[in-house]
C-alpha cells in the first residue's frame, strides 16, 4: 500500500502541462445584440439609460455584482464603474 502513493506521485510528475491559451482574444461581436450603435454610451452616466429603450434583453453590471455566466448573444451588457459611468458595452 505504501508503494502505491510514491508510484502515483512519480507518474503524476511525468504528465505534461497543457500550454496556456493565447493572450490575444478575438474582437467581441457587438453587432448581434445591437451594442455597436450603443458604444457611444461609454463614458456617460448610467442615468441616461432611464430615457432609452432597447430591442432585447439588457443588464447593467456594477462593480462586485454577481451575474450569471450563461451566454445570450441577444443580451446587451453595460459595465458601470463605481462612479456610475458606463465603461464597456458588449453582447453576451
N, C-alpha and C. Protein backbone atom coordinates (compact mmCIF):
# COMPACT_ATOMS: atom_id res chain seq x y z
N UNK A 1 0.82 -1.20 0.00
CA UNK A 1 0.00 0.00 0.00
C UNK A 1 0.87 1.27 0.00
N UNK A 2 1.95 1.25 0.77
CA UNK A 2 2.77 2.44 0.85
C UNK A 2 3.61 2.66 -0.40
N UNK A 3 3.67 1.68 -1.31
CA UNK A 3 4.38 1.86 -2.57
C UNK A 3 3.48 2.45 -3.65
N UNK A 4 2.20 2.40 -3.42
CA UNK A 4 1.25 2.93 -4.41
C UNK A 4 1.33 4.45 -4.49
N UNK A 5 1.42 5.10 -3.36
CA UNK A 5 1.44 6.57 -3.34
C UNK A 5 2.70 7.12 -4.02
N UNK A 6 3.90 6.63 -3.70
CA UNK A 6 5.08 7.14 -4.42
C UNK A 6 5.03 6.85 -5.92
N UNK A 7 4.48 5.69 -6.29
CA UNK A 7 4.37 5.38 -7.72
C UNK A 7 3.41 6.35 -8.40
N UNK A 8 2.32 6.65 -7.74
CA UNK A 8 1.35 7.60 -8.29
C UNK A 8 1.98 8.98 -8.42
N UNK A 9 2.72 9.43 -7.43
CA UNK A 9 3.38 10.74 -7.49
C UNK A 9 4.42 10.78 -8.60
N UNK A 10 5.12 9.68 -8.81
CA UNK A 10 6.11 9.64 -9.88
C UNK A 10 5.44 9.74 -11.24
N UNK A 11 4.31 9.07 -11.41
CA UNK A 11 3.57 9.16 -12.67
C UNK A 11 2.98 10.55 -12.87
N UNK A 12 2.50 11.13 -11.81
CA UNK A 12 1.92 12.47 -11.91
C UNK A 12 2.97 13.50 -12.31
N UNK A 13 4.20 13.32 -11.87
CA UNK A 13 5.28 14.25 -12.21
C UNK A 13 5.65 14.18 -13.68
N UNK A 14 5.33 13.08 -14.34
CA UNK A 14 5.68 12.89 -15.74
C UNK A 14 4.62 13.42 -16.71
N UNK A 15 3.50 13.83 -16.20
CA UNK A 15 2.44 14.32 -17.09
C UNK A 15 2.80 15.69 -17.64
N UNK A 16 2.37 15.96 -18.84
CA UNK A 16 2.67 17.22 -19.50
C UNK A 16 1.59 18.25 -19.19
N UNK A 17 1.98 19.44 -18.84
CA UNK A 17 1.05 20.52 -18.57
C UNK A 17 0.66 21.16 -19.90
N UNK A 18 -0.64 21.30 -20.17
CA UNK A 18 -1.04 21.90 -21.44
C UNK A 18 -0.61 23.36 -21.53
N UNK A 19 -0.31 23.84 -22.73
CA UNK A 19 0.11 25.24 -22.87
C UNK A 19 -1.02 26.21 -22.54
N UNK A 20 -0.66 27.37 -22.10
CA UNK A 20 -1.64 28.40 -21.78
C UNK A 20 -2.28 28.91 -23.06
N UNK A 21 -3.56 29.31 -22.99
CA UNK A 21 -4.21 29.86 -24.18
C UNK A 21 -3.57 31.19 -24.58
N UNK A 22 -3.64 31.56 -25.85
CA UNK A 22 -3.04 32.82 -26.27
C UNK A 22 -3.71 34.01 -25.61
N UNK A 23 -2.93 35.04 -25.36
CA UNK A 23 -3.46 36.22 -24.68
C UNK A 23 -4.30 37.10 -25.60
N UNK A 24 -4.02 37.06 -26.89
CA UNK A 24 -4.78 37.91 -27.80
C UNK A 24 -6.11 37.23 -28.12
N UNK A 25 -7.18 37.82 -27.69
CA UNK A 25 -8.52 37.29 -27.89
C UNK A 25 -9.13 37.93 -29.14
N UNK A 26 -10.02 37.22 -29.84
CA UNK A 26 -10.68 37.83 -30.98
C UNK A 26 -11.57 38.99 -30.54
N UNK A 27 -11.81 39.89 -31.46
CA UNK A 27 -12.65 41.04 -31.15
C UNK A 27 -14.06 40.58 -30.81
N UNK A 28 -14.68 41.26 -29.87
CA UNK A 28 -16.03 40.91 -29.45
C UNK A 28 -17.02 41.22 -30.55
N UNK A 29 -18.04 40.38 -30.65
CA UNK A 29 -19.13 40.61 -31.59
C UNK A 29 -20.12 41.55 -30.91
N UNK A 30 -20.12 42.80 -31.33
CA UNK A 30 -21.02 43.78 -30.71
C UNK A 30 -22.19 44.12 -31.60
N UNK A 31 -22.37 43.37 -32.69
CA UNK A 31 -23.46 43.69 -33.60
C UNK A 31 -24.69 42.82 -33.37
N UNK A 32 -24.51 41.62 -32.82
CA UNK A 32 -25.63 40.70 -32.68
C UNK A 32 -26.66 41.17 -31.66
N UNK A 33 -26.27 41.98 -30.70
CA UNK A 33 -27.23 42.46 -29.71
C UNK A 33 -27.49 43.96 -29.87
N UNK A 34 -26.89 44.56 -30.87
CA UNK A 34 -27.08 45.99 -31.10
C UNK A 34 -26.13 46.85 -30.31
N UNK A 35 -25.06 46.27 -29.79
CA UNK A 35 -24.11 47.04 -28.98
C UNK A 35 -23.28 48.00 -29.80
N UNK A 36 -23.14 47.74 -31.09
CA UNK A 36 -22.34 48.62 -31.94
C UNK A 36 -22.82 50.06 -31.88
N UNK A 37 -24.08 50.33 -32.19
CA UNK A 37 -24.58 51.71 -32.12
C UNK A 37 -24.60 52.27 -30.69
N UNK A 38 -24.71 51.38 -29.70
CA UNK A 38 -24.77 51.84 -28.31
C UNK A 38 -23.40 52.05 -27.69
N UNK A 39 -22.32 51.83 -28.45
CA UNK A 39 -20.99 52.02 -27.89
C UNK A 39 -20.72 53.49 -27.57
N UNK A 40 -21.54 54.39 -28.09
CA UNK A 40 -21.39 55.81 -27.74
C UNK A 40 -21.80 56.08 -26.30
N UNK A 41 -22.35 55.07 -25.62
CA UNK A 41 -22.73 55.23 -24.22
C UNK A 41 -21.52 55.19 -23.29
N UNK A 42 -20.42 54.66 -23.77
CA UNK A 42 -19.21 54.57 -22.94
C UNK A 42 -18.78 55.98 -22.55
N UNK A 43 -18.56 56.17 -21.25
CA UNK A 43 -18.16 57.47 -20.73
C UNK A 43 -19.33 58.29 -20.21
N UNK A 44 -20.56 57.84 -20.47
CA UNK A 44 -21.74 58.57 -20.00
C UNK A 44 -22.23 57.99 -18.67
N UNK A 45 -23.05 58.75 -17.99
CA UNK A 45 -23.63 58.31 -16.74
C UNK A 45 -24.69 57.24 -16.99
N UNK A 46 -24.84 56.33 -16.06
CA UNK A 46 -25.85 55.28 -16.16
C UNK A 46 -27.26 55.86 -16.15
N UNK A 47 -27.42 57.08 -15.72
CA UNK A 47 -28.73 57.74 -15.67
C UNK A 47 -29.33 57.95 -17.05
N UNK A 48 -28.52 57.98 -18.10
CA UNK A 48 -29.05 58.18 -19.45
C UNK A 48 -29.87 56.99 -19.92
N UNK A 49 -29.71 55.84 -19.28
CA UNK A 49 -30.43 54.63 -19.68
C UNK A 49 -31.92 54.72 -19.34
N UNK A 50 -32.28 55.55 -18.39
CA UNK A 50 -33.69 55.67 -17.99
C UNK A 50 -34.56 56.17 -19.13
N UNK A 51 -34.02 56.98 -20.01
CA UNK A 51 -34.80 57.55 -21.11
C UNK A 51 -34.68 56.73 -22.39
N UNK A 52 -34.01 55.57 -22.33
CA UNK A 52 -33.76 54.77 -23.53
C UNK A 52 -34.58 53.48 -23.52
N UNK A 53 -34.85 52.97 -24.71
CA UNK A 53 -35.46 51.65 -24.84
C UNK A 53 -34.53 50.78 -25.66
N UNK A 54 -34.55 49.49 -25.38
CA UNK A 54 -33.66 48.54 -26.04
C UNK A 54 -34.49 47.44 -26.66
N UNK A 55 -34.12 46.95 -27.86
CA UNK A 55 -34.92 45.96 -28.56
C UNK A 55 -34.89 44.57 -27.92
N UNK A 56 -33.91 44.28 -27.10
CA UNK A 56 -33.79 42.96 -26.50
C UNK A 56 -33.42 43.06 -25.03
N UNK A 57 -33.04 41.94 -24.43
CA UNK A 57 -32.66 41.98 -23.01
C UNK A 57 -31.40 42.82 -22.80
N UNK A 58 -31.35 43.48 -21.65
CA UNK A 58 -30.25 44.37 -21.32
C UNK A 58 -30.00 44.27 -19.82
N UNK A 59 -28.75 44.33 -19.42
CA UNK A 59 -28.44 44.37 -17.99
C UNK A 59 -27.28 45.31 -17.72
N UNK A 60 -27.35 45.97 -16.58
CA UNK A 60 -26.30 46.87 -16.11
C UNK A 60 -25.49 46.09 -15.08
N UNK A 61 -24.19 46.01 -15.29
CA UNK A 61 -23.31 45.25 -14.40
C UNK A 61 -22.46 46.23 -13.60
N UNK A 62 -22.69 46.25 -12.31
CA UNK A 62 -21.97 47.16 -11.41
C UNK A 62 -20.79 46.43 -10.77
N UNK A 63 -19.79 47.14 -10.25
CA UNK A 63 -18.62 46.50 -9.63
C UNK A 63 -19.04 45.58 -8.48
N UNK A 64 -18.50 44.37 -8.49
CA UNK A 64 -18.77 43.42 -7.43
C UNK A 64 -20.11 42.70 -7.54
N UNK A 65 -20.88 43.03 -8.55
CA UNK A 65 -22.20 42.44 -8.73
C UNK A 65 -22.07 41.01 -9.25
N UNK A 66 -22.86 40.10 -8.70
CA UNK A 66 -22.87 38.73 -9.19
C UNK A 66 -23.75 38.66 -10.42
N UNK A 67 -23.24 38.02 -11.46
CA UNK A 67 -24.01 37.86 -12.69
C UNK A 67 -23.98 36.41 -13.12
N UNK A 68 -24.97 36.00 -13.90
CA UNK A 68 -24.99 34.65 -14.43
C UNK A 68 -23.97 34.54 -15.56
N UNK A 69 -23.49 33.34 -15.79
CA UNK A 69 -22.44 33.13 -16.78
C UNK A 69 -22.96 32.56 -18.11
N UNK A 70 -24.28 32.37 -18.22
CA UNK A 70 -24.77 31.85 -19.49
C UNK A 70 -24.63 32.90 -20.57
N UNK A 71 -24.35 32.45 -21.77
CA UNK A 71 -24.11 33.36 -22.88
C UNK A 71 -25.40 33.55 -23.66
N UNK A 72 -25.85 34.78 -23.78
CA UNK A 72 -27.04 35.12 -24.55
C UNK A 72 -26.62 36.15 -25.58
N UNK A 73 -26.51 35.72 -26.83
CA UNK A 73 -26.00 36.59 -27.89
C UNK A 73 -26.88 37.82 -28.11
N UNK A 74 -28.13 37.76 -27.71
CA UNK A 74 -29.06 38.87 -27.91
C UNK A 74 -29.05 39.87 -26.76
N UNK A 75 -28.36 39.54 -25.64
CA UNK A 75 -28.39 40.41 -24.46
C UNK A 75 -27.31 41.48 -24.54
N UNK A 76 -27.70 42.70 -24.26
CA UNK A 76 -26.78 43.83 -24.20
C UNK A 76 -26.32 44.00 -22.75
N UNK A 77 -25.02 44.01 -22.53
CA UNK A 77 -24.44 44.19 -21.21
C UNK A 77 -23.76 45.54 -21.14
N UNK A 78 -23.97 46.23 -20.05
CA UNK A 78 -23.33 47.52 -19.83
C UNK A 78 -22.56 47.47 -18.52
N UNK A 79 -21.24 47.54 -18.60
CA UNK A 79 -20.41 47.58 -17.40
C UNK A 79 -20.35 49.02 -16.90
N UNK A 80 -20.54 49.19 -15.60
CA UNK A 80 -20.57 50.51 -14.97
C UNK A 80 -19.53 50.53 -13.85
N UNK A 81 -18.77 51.61 -13.73
CA UNK A 81 -17.79 51.69 -12.65
C UNK A 81 -18.44 52.18 -11.35
N UNK A 82 -17.65 52.33 -10.31
CA UNK A 82 -18.18 52.71 -9.00
C UNK A 82 -18.74 54.14 -8.97
N UNK A 83 -18.44 54.94 -9.97
CA UNK A 83 -18.97 56.30 -10.05
C UNK A 83 -20.25 56.38 -10.87
N UNK A 84 -20.70 55.24 -11.43
CA UNK A 84 -21.91 55.23 -12.23
C UNK A 84 -21.68 55.60 -13.68
N UNK A 85 -20.45 55.47 -14.16
CA UNK A 85 -20.10 55.78 -15.54
C UNK A 85 -20.00 54.47 -16.33
N UNK A 86 -20.61 54.42 -17.50
CA UNK A 86 -20.57 53.24 -18.35
C UNK A 86 -19.16 53.09 -18.92
N UNK A 87 -18.55 51.94 -18.69
CA UNK A 87 -17.16 51.72 -19.12
C UNK A 87 -17.05 50.74 -20.28
N UNK A 88 -18.09 49.94 -20.52
CA UNK A 88 -18.00 48.93 -21.58
C UNK A 88 -19.40 48.52 -22.01
N UNK A 89 -19.58 48.34 -23.31
CA UNK A 89 -20.83 47.86 -23.89
C UNK A 89 -20.50 46.60 -24.69
N UNK A 90 -21.19 45.48 -24.36
CA UNK A 90 -20.87 44.21 -25.01
C UNK A 90 -22.06 43.27 -25.04
N UNK A 91 -21.99 42.29 -25.92
CA UNK A 91 -23.05 41.28 -26.07
C UNK A 91 -22.67 40.05 -25.26
N UNK A 92 -23.69 39.35 -24.77
CA UNK A 92 -23.41 38.09 -24.11
C UNK A 92 -24.22 37.78 -22.94
